[in-house]
Structures are given as C-alpha cells and as structure tokens.
Amino acid sequence: MWHHTKDHLLLGVYQSSTDCSLSMVRLRLINIKNGQIDKDMKFDCGAGIVATSIYANVYRAKNPHHATVIFQGGYHGMGDDRDVAVEP
C-alpha cells in the first residue's frame, strides 16, 4: 500500500458485513505532525480488495494531491482504478 503523502499517513480501514464482503470502507488521512485524523473518506463495497486485502490497493496518483484506489471490476475484472482527492 502506498502509505503516505508529504503531510499524511494513509490508513485503510477494512470491514466485512453480510451486505459486503471484506472491503476498505474508509481511508483515513492521519496528520504526520500531530497524529490527528484530518480526513476520513468513505468508500462503497468492493474498494481496496483487488490485489490483496491490505497491500497494493492504494497508491500514488499522477496528481500529487490524489491517491489511486483500486475497486473491484474494471477491464477483465482486474480492478477499476479511481483517483480520489486526499489533500487540497
């Protein structure tokens, strides 16, 4: 997992329920300087489980203010990459 930006540690929170198998339901941006959660992003079922349940599902996007999250689906079922804004 690409795990940080200049100012934030990116922490994926995984959960399983009867409605959704194991998925990354949240991506939290933890401020490196003070340890506080600066942003808590919610995701739909199927986020962050294509490569493995923990690694290689969130990585650096071309835009330095975004991260790329892999969702289920996409071309030949190999995942659907979606850029999400993590920093202003």
N, C-alpha and C. Protein backbone atom coordinates (compact mmCIF):
# COMPACT_ATOMS: atom_id res chain seq x y z
N MET A 1 0.85 -1.18 0.00
CA MET A 1 0.00 0.00 0.00
C MET A 1 0.89 1.22 0.00
N TRP A 2 0.64 2.11 -0.95
CA TRP A 2 1.33 3.40 -0.92
C TRP A 2 0.76 4.11 0.29
N HIS A 3 1.55 4.39 1.27
CA HIS A 3 1.04 4.68 2.60
C HIS A 3 1.19 6.10 3.11
N HIS A 4 1.70 7.04 2.31
CA HIS A 4 1.80 8.40 2.84
C HIS A 4 1.93 9.43 1.73
N THR A 5 1.60 10.67 2.10
CA THR A 5 1.90 11.83 1.28
C THR A 5 2.92 12.63 2.08
N LYS A 6 3.20 13.83 1.65
CA LYS A 6 4.15 14.66 2.38
C LYS A 6 3.67 14.93 3.81
N ASP A 7 2.36 15.12 3.99
CA ASP A 7 1.81 15.52 5.28
C ASP A 7 0.97 14.46 5.98
N HIS A 8 0.60 13.39 5.29
CA HIS A 8 -0.35 12.43 5.85
C HIS A 8 0.07 10.97 5.68
N LEU A 9 -0.23 10.18 6.69
CA LEU A 9 -0.18 8.72 6.61
C LEU A 9 -1.56 8.29 6.14
N LEU A 10 -1.63 7.42 5.13
CA LEU A 10 -2.91 6.92 4.65
C LEU A 10 -3.17 5.57 5.29
N LEU A 11 -4.30 5.45 5.97
CA LEU A 11 -4.63 4.24 6.71
C LEU A 11 -5.95 3.68 6.20
N GLY A 12 -5.90 2.50 5.59
CA GLY A 12 -7.11 1.84 5.11
C GLY A 12 -7.78 1.09 6.24
N VAL A 13 -9.11 1.27 6.39
CA VAL A 13 -9.88 0.58 7.42
C VAL A 13 -10.77 -0.43 6.69
N TYR A 14 -10.58 -1.71 6.99
CA TYR A 14 -11.30 -2.79 6.32
C TYR A 14 -12.39 -3.34 7.23
N GLN A 15 -13.49 -3.78 6.58
CA GLN A 15 -14.62 -4.32 7.34
C GLN A 15 -15.34 -5.34 6.48
N SER A 16 -15.97 -6.29 7.12
CA SER A 16 -16.78 -7.28 6.44
C SER A 16 -18.18 -7.26 7.06
N SER A 17 -19.21 -7.41 6.24
CA SER A 17 -20.58 -7.45 6.75
C SER A 17 -21.39 -8.42 5.90
N THR A 18 -22.63 -8.63 6.27
CA THR A 18 -23.49 -9.52 5.49
C THR A 18 -23.79 -8.93 4.12
N ASP A 19 -23.78 -7.61 4.01
CA ASP A 19 -24.07 -6.94 2.74
C ASP A 19 -22.85 -6.80 1.84
N CYS A 20 -21.67 -6.88 2.43
CA CYS A 20 -20.45 -6.63 1.67
C CYS A 20 -19.31 -7.46 2.23
N SER A 21 -18.67 -8.23 1.35
CA SER A 21 -17.51 -8.99 1.82
C SER A 21 -16.39 -8.02 2.21
N LEU A 22 -15.30 -8.53 2.67
CA LEU A 22 -14.19 -7.69 3.13
C LEU A 22 -13.88 -6.59 2.12
N SER A 23 -13.95 -5.34 2.57
CA SER A 23 -13.68 -4.19 1.72
C SER A 23 -13.07 -3.08 2.56
N MET A 24 -12.35 -2.18 1.88
CA MET A 24 -11.84 -1.00 2.56
C MET A 24 -13.00 0.00 2.61
N VAL A 25 -13.58 0.16 3.77
CA VAL A 25 -14.75 1.03 3.92
C VAL A 25 -14.36 2.48 4.17
N ARG A 26 -13.13 2.69 4.62
CA ARG A 26 -12.65 4.05 4.90
C ARG A 26 -11.17 4.16 4.55
N LEU A 27 -10.78 5.36 4.19
CA LEU A 27 -9.38 5.71 4.05
C LEU A 27 -9.17 6.95 4.90
N ARG A 28 -8.37 6.79 5.94
CA ARG A 28 -8.15 7.90 6.87
C ARG A 28 -6.81 8.56 6.58
N LEU A 29 -6.81 9.88 6.59
CA LEU A 29 -5.58 10.65 6.44
C LEU A 29 -5.16 11.10 7.82
N ILE A 30 -4.08 10.53 8.31
CA ILE A 30 -3.56 10.85 9.64
C ILE A 30 -2.46 11.88 9.48
N ASN A 31 -2.62 13.00 10.14
CA ASN A 31 -1.63 14.08 10.09
C ASN A 31 -0.34 13.58 10.72
N ILE A 32 0.76 13.61 9.95
CA ILE A 32 2.04 13.10 10.43
C ILE A 32 2.57 13.92 11.61
N LYS A 33 2.31 15.22 11.62
CA LYS A 33 2.85 16.09 12.67
C LYS A 33 2.12 15.95 14.01
N ASN A 34 0.77 15.80 13.97
CA ASN A 34 0.04 15.79 15.25
C ASN A 34 -0.73 14.50 15.53
N GLY A 35 -0.76 13.56 14.60
CA GLY A 35 -1.44 12.29 14.82
C GLY A 35 -2.95 12.34 14.73
N GLN A 36 -3.52 13.48 14.39
CA GLN A 36 -4.98 13.62 14.29
C GLN A 36 -5.47 13.15 12.92
N ILE A 37 -6.73 12.71 12.86
CA ILE A 37 -7.35 12.35 11.59
C ILE A 37 -7.82 13.64 10.93
N ASP A 38 -7.20 13.99 9.80
CA ASP A 38 -7.58 15.20 9.08
C ASP A 38 -8.72 14.95 8.10
N LYS A 39 -8.83 13.72 7.61
CA LYS A 39 -9.88 13.41 6.65
C LYS A 39 -10.23 11.94 6.79
N ASP A 40 -11.51 11.62 6.72
CA ASP A 40 -11.99 10.24 6.82
C ASP A 40 -12.90 10.01 5.62
N MET A 41 -12.38 9.34 4.60
CA MET A 41 -13.11 9.13 3.36
C MET A 41 -13.83 7.79 3.41
N LYS A 42 -15.10 7.77 3.00
CA LYS A 42 -15.89 6.54 2.98
C LYS A 42 -15.95 6.00 1.55
N PHE A 43 -15.93 4.65 1.44
CA PHE A 43 -15.99 4.00 0.13
C PHE A 43 -17.10 2.96 0.10
N ASP A 44 -17.59 2.70 -1.11
CA ASP A 44 -18.60 1.67 -1.34
C ASP A 44 -17.96 0.29 -1.26
N CYS A 45 -18.79 -0.69 -1.19
CA CYS A 45 -18.36 -2.08 -1.17
C CYS A 45 -17.46 -2.37 -2.39
N GLY A 46 -16.39 -3.13 -2.17
CA GLY A 46 -15.51 -3.52 -3.25
C GLY A 46 -14.24 -2.71 -3.36
N ALA A 47 -14.06 -1.75 -2.48
CA ALA A 47 -12.84 -0.93 -2.53
C ALA A 47 -11.69 -1.66 -1.86
N GLY A 48 -10.52 -1.52 -2.45
CA GLY A 48 -9.30 -1.95 -1.80
C GLY A 48 -9.09 -3.43 -1.62
N ILE A 49 -9.68 -4.27 -2.48
CA ILE A 49 -9.51 -5.72 -2.28
C ILE A 49 -9.07 -6.45 -3.54
N VAL A 50 -8.62 -5.74 -4.53
CA VAL A 50 -8.27 -6.40 -5.79
C VAL A 50 -6.92 -7.10 -5.70
N ALA A 51 -5.89 -6.40 -5.26
CA ALA A 51 -4.55 -7.00 -5.20
C ALA A 51 -4.47 -7.99 -4.03
N THR A 52 -4.69 -7.53 -2.85
CA THR A 52 -4.88 -8.34 -1.64
C THR A 52 -5.75 -7.48 -0.74
N SER A 53 -6.10 -7.98 0.40
CA SER A 53 -6.96 -7.18 1.28
C SER A 53 -6.20 -6.03 1.94
N ILE A 54 -4.88 -6.03 1.88
CA ILE A 54 -4.14 -4.98 2.56
C ILE A 54 -3.20 -4.23 1.63
N TYR A 55 -2.43 -4.92 0.80
CA TYR A 55 -1.36 -4.27 0.04
C TYR A 55 -1.77 -3.93 -1.38
N ALA A 56 -1.17 -2.88 -1.91
CA ALA A 56 -1.25 -2.52 -3.33
C ALA A 56 -2.64 -2.15 -3.82
N ASN A 57 -3.47 -1.65 -2.97
CA ASN A 57 -4.80 -1.18 -3.38
C ASN A 57 -4.92 0.33 -3.34
N VAL A 58 -3.95 0.99 -2.73
CA VAL A 58 -3.90 2.45 -2.68
C VAL A 58 -2.48 2.84 -3.07
N TYR A 59 -2.37 3.71 -4.06
CA TYR A 59 -1.03 4.11 -4.47
C TYR A 59 -1.03 5.52 -5.02
N ARG A 60 0.15 6.03 -5.25
CA ARG A 60 0.35 7.41 -5.71
C ARG A 60 -0.31 7.61 -7.07
N ALA A 61 -1.07 8.69 -7.18
CA ALA A 61 -1.69 9.06 -8.44
C ALA A 61 -0.77 10.04 -9.18
N LYS A 62 -1.09 10.31 -10.43
CA LYS A 62 -0.29 11.29 -11.18
C LYS A 62 -0.40 12.67 -10.56
N ASN A 63 -1.60 13.03 -10.10
CA ASN A 63 -1.81 14.30 -9.41
C ASN A 63 -1.30 14.15 -7.98
N PRO A 64 -0.37 14.99 -7.52
CA PRO A 64 0.20 14.82 -6.18
C PRO A 64 -0.79 15.03 -5.04
N HIS A 65 -1.97 15.54 -5.32
CA HIS A 65 -2.99 15.76 -4.30
C HIS A 65 -4.03 14.64 -4.26
N HIS A 66 -3.81 13.60 -5.05
CA HIS A 66 -4.72 12.47 -5.13
C HIS A 66 -4.00 11.17 -4.80
N ALA A 67 -4.79 10.15 -4.50
CA ALA A 67 -4.31 8.78 -4.40
C ALA A 67 -5.20 7.95 -5.31
N THR A 68 -4.68 6.85 -5.82
CA THR A 68 -5.47 5.96 -6.64
C THR A 68 -5.90 4.78 -5.79
N VAL A 69 -7.21 4.51 -5.77
CA VAL A 69 -7.77 3.38 -5.02
C VAL A 69 -8.30 2.39 -6.05
N ILE A 70 -8.00 1.11 -5.85
CA ILE A 70 -8.47 0.08 -6.76
C ILE A 70 -9.77 -0.52 -6.23
N PHE A 71 -10.79 -0.55 -7.08
CA PHE A 71 -12.08 -1.14 -6.76
C PHE A 71 -12.26 -2.41 -7.58
N GLN A 72 -13.17 -3.28 -7.16
CA GLN A 72 -13.49 -4.47 -7.94
C GLN A 72 -14.05 -4.06 -9.29
N GLY A 73 -13.89 -4.94 -10.28
CA GLY A 73 -14.44 -4.69 -11.60
C GLY A 73 -13.36 -4.27 -12.57
N GLY A 74 -13.71 -3.39 -13.49
CA GLY A 74 -12.75 -2.90 -14.45
C GLY A 74 -12.50 -3.86 -15.59
N TYR A 75 -11.49 -3.58 -16.37
CA TYR A 75 -11.12 -4.34 -17.56
C TYR A 75 -10.75 -5.77 -17.18
N HIS A 76 -11.44 -6.72 -17.67
CA HIS A 76 -11.20 -8.15 -17.40
C HIS A 76 -11.22 -8.47 -15.91
N GLY A 77 -11.94 -7.69 -15.13
CA GLY A 77 -12.05 -7.96 -13.70
C GLY A 77 -10.78 -7.70 -12.91
N MET A 78 -9.84 -6.99 -13.52
CA MET A 78 -8.56 -6.75 -12.86
C MET A 78 -8.55 -5.48 -12.01
N GLY A 79 -9.69 -4.88 -11.83
CA GLY A 79 -9.78 -3.71 -10.98
C GLY A 79 -10.08 -2.44 -11.73
N ASP A 80 -10.71 -1.54 -11.04
CA ASP A 80 -11.12 -0.25 -11.57
C ASP A 80 -10.37 0.81 -10.76
N ASP A 81 -9.36 1.43 -11.35
CA ASP A 81 -8.58 2.46 -10.66
C ASP A 81 -9.35 3.77 -10.62
N ARG A 82 -9.49 4.33 -9.43
CA ARG A 82 -10.18 5.61 -9.28
C ARG A 82 -9.30 6.56 -8.47
N ASP A 83 -9.04 7.73 -9.02
CA ASP A 83 -8.28 8.74 -8.30
C ASP A 83 -9.22 9.48 -7.36
N VAL A 84 -8.79 9.64 -6.12
CA VAL A 84 -9.57 10.36 -5.11
C VAL A 84 -8.69 11.45 -4.53
N ALA A 85 -9.30 12.62 -4.31
CA ALA A 85 -8.58 13.74 -3.72
C ALA A 85 -8.31 13.47 -2.26
N VAL A 86 -7.04 13.53 -1.85
CA VAL A 86 -6.69 13.31 -0.46
C VAL A 86 -6.19 14.58 0.22
N GLU A 87 -5.68 15.50 -0.56
CA GLU A 87 -5.18 16.76 0.00
C GLU A 87 -5.59 17.90 -0.91
N PRO A 88 -5.76 19.08 -0.32
CA PRO A 88 -6.15 20.26 -1.14
C PRO A 88 -5.05 20.70 -2.09
